[in-house]
Amino acid sequence: MEIVNNWTHKECVTHVAQAMMEYRERSKKKWSINLSVLHEIYEVPKKLITEAQKKQRVIKKPHWKSKKK
């Protein structure tokens, strides 16, 4: 991120820390996404969207939390 966004190391670390805090907060709640915009704007077939919305999502622990020390 530092090179791509031309950030200092401190800016990069701050951004990642803020993103992780936001991830933790959002993960406390059950939420869903309305995918209808994919059909309306990008012409994705409605059948594909319906199938995707029916699938249950299981959120796994991030890989860095599952490693044993």
Protein backbone atom coordinates (compact mmCIF):
# COMPACT_ATOMS: atom_id res chain seq x y z
CA MET A 1 0.00 0.00 0.00
CA GLU A 2 2.81 2.39 0.74
CA ILE A 3 4.27 2.36 -2.75
CA VAL A 4 0.95 2.13 -4.64
CA ASN A 5 -0.63 5.00 -2.68
CA ASN A 6 2.60 6.95 -2.17
CA TRP A 7 2.07 6.85 1.62
CA THR A 8 4.59 7.03 4.41
CA HIS A 9 4.98 3.95 6.57
CA LYS A 10 3.10 5.72 9.37
CA GLU A 11 0.15 6.53 7.04
CA CYS A 12 0.01 2.92 5.94
CA VAL A 13 0.07 1.54 9.49
CA THR A 14 -2.63 4.03 10.54
CA HIS A 15 -4.85 3.05 7.63
CA VAL A 16 -4.51 -0.67 8.36
CA ALA A 17 -5.24 -0.14 12.07
CA GLN A 18 -8.37 1.89 11.26
CA ALA A 19 -9.54 -0.72 8.75
CA MET A 20 -9.13 -3.49 11.33
CA MET A 21 -11.11 -1.52 13.93
CA GLU A 22 -13.89 -1.02 11.38
CA TYR A 23 -13.78 -4.73 10.48
CA ARG A 24 -14.14 -5.73 14.14
CA GLU A 25 -17.12 -3.40 14.64
CA ARG A 26 -18.88 -4.53 11.47
CA SER A 27 -18.27 -8.17 12.32
CA LYS A 28 -20.31 -7.82 15.51
CA LYS A 29 -23.50 -7.48 13.50
CA LYS A 30 -25.31 -9.72 11.08
CA TRP A 31 -25.70 -7.93 7.77
CA SER A 32 -26.54 -8.57 4.16
CA ILE A 33 -25.81 -6.96 0.82
CA ASN A 34 -28.39 -6.01 -1.79
CA LEU A 35 -26.90 -7.29 -5.04
CA SER A 36 -29.69 -5.99 -7.31
CA VAL A 37 -27.42 -3.15 -8.45
CA LEU A 38 -25.35 -5.77 -10.26
CA HIS A 39 -28.29 -6.45 -12.56
CA GLU A 40 -29.40 -2.84 -12.85
CA ILE A 41 -26.01 -1.37 -13.71
CA TYR A 42 -23.84 -4.25 -14.90
CA GLU A 43 -26.53 -6.51 -16.40
CA VAL A 44 -25.57 -9.54 -14.30
CA PRO A 45 -28.36 -12.13 -14.80
CA LYS A 46 -31.00 -12.01 -12.03
CA LYS A 47 -30.82 -15.80 -11.64
CA LEU A 48 -27.13 -15.61 -10.73
CA ILE A 49 -27.79 -12.85 -8.18
CA THR A 50 -30.67 -14.82 -6.62
CA GLU A 51 -28.48 -17.92 -6.30
CA ALA A 52 -25.68 -15.91 -4.70
CA GLN A 53 -28.04 -14.33 -2.17
CA LYS A 54 -29.42 -17.74 -1.11
CA LYS A 55 -25.99 -19.12 -0.23
CA GLN A 56 -25.10 -19.00 3.41
CA ARG A 57 -21.79 -17.33 4.11
CA VAL A 58 -19.49 -18.57 6.80
CA ILE A 59 -16.89 -16.12 8.00
CA LYS A 60 -13.65 -17.77 8.99
CA LYS A 61 -11.01 -16.36 11.26
CA PRO A 62 -8.39 -14.37 9.38
CA HIS A 63 -5.37 -16.53 8.57
CA TRP A 64 -3.11 -14.54 10.91
CA LYS A 65 -5.32 -15.39 13.91
CA SER A 66 -5.34 -19.13 13.25
CA LYS A 67 -1.57 -19.62 13.37
CA LYS A 68 -0.16 -21.16 16.51
CA LYS A 69 2.71 -19.40 18.21
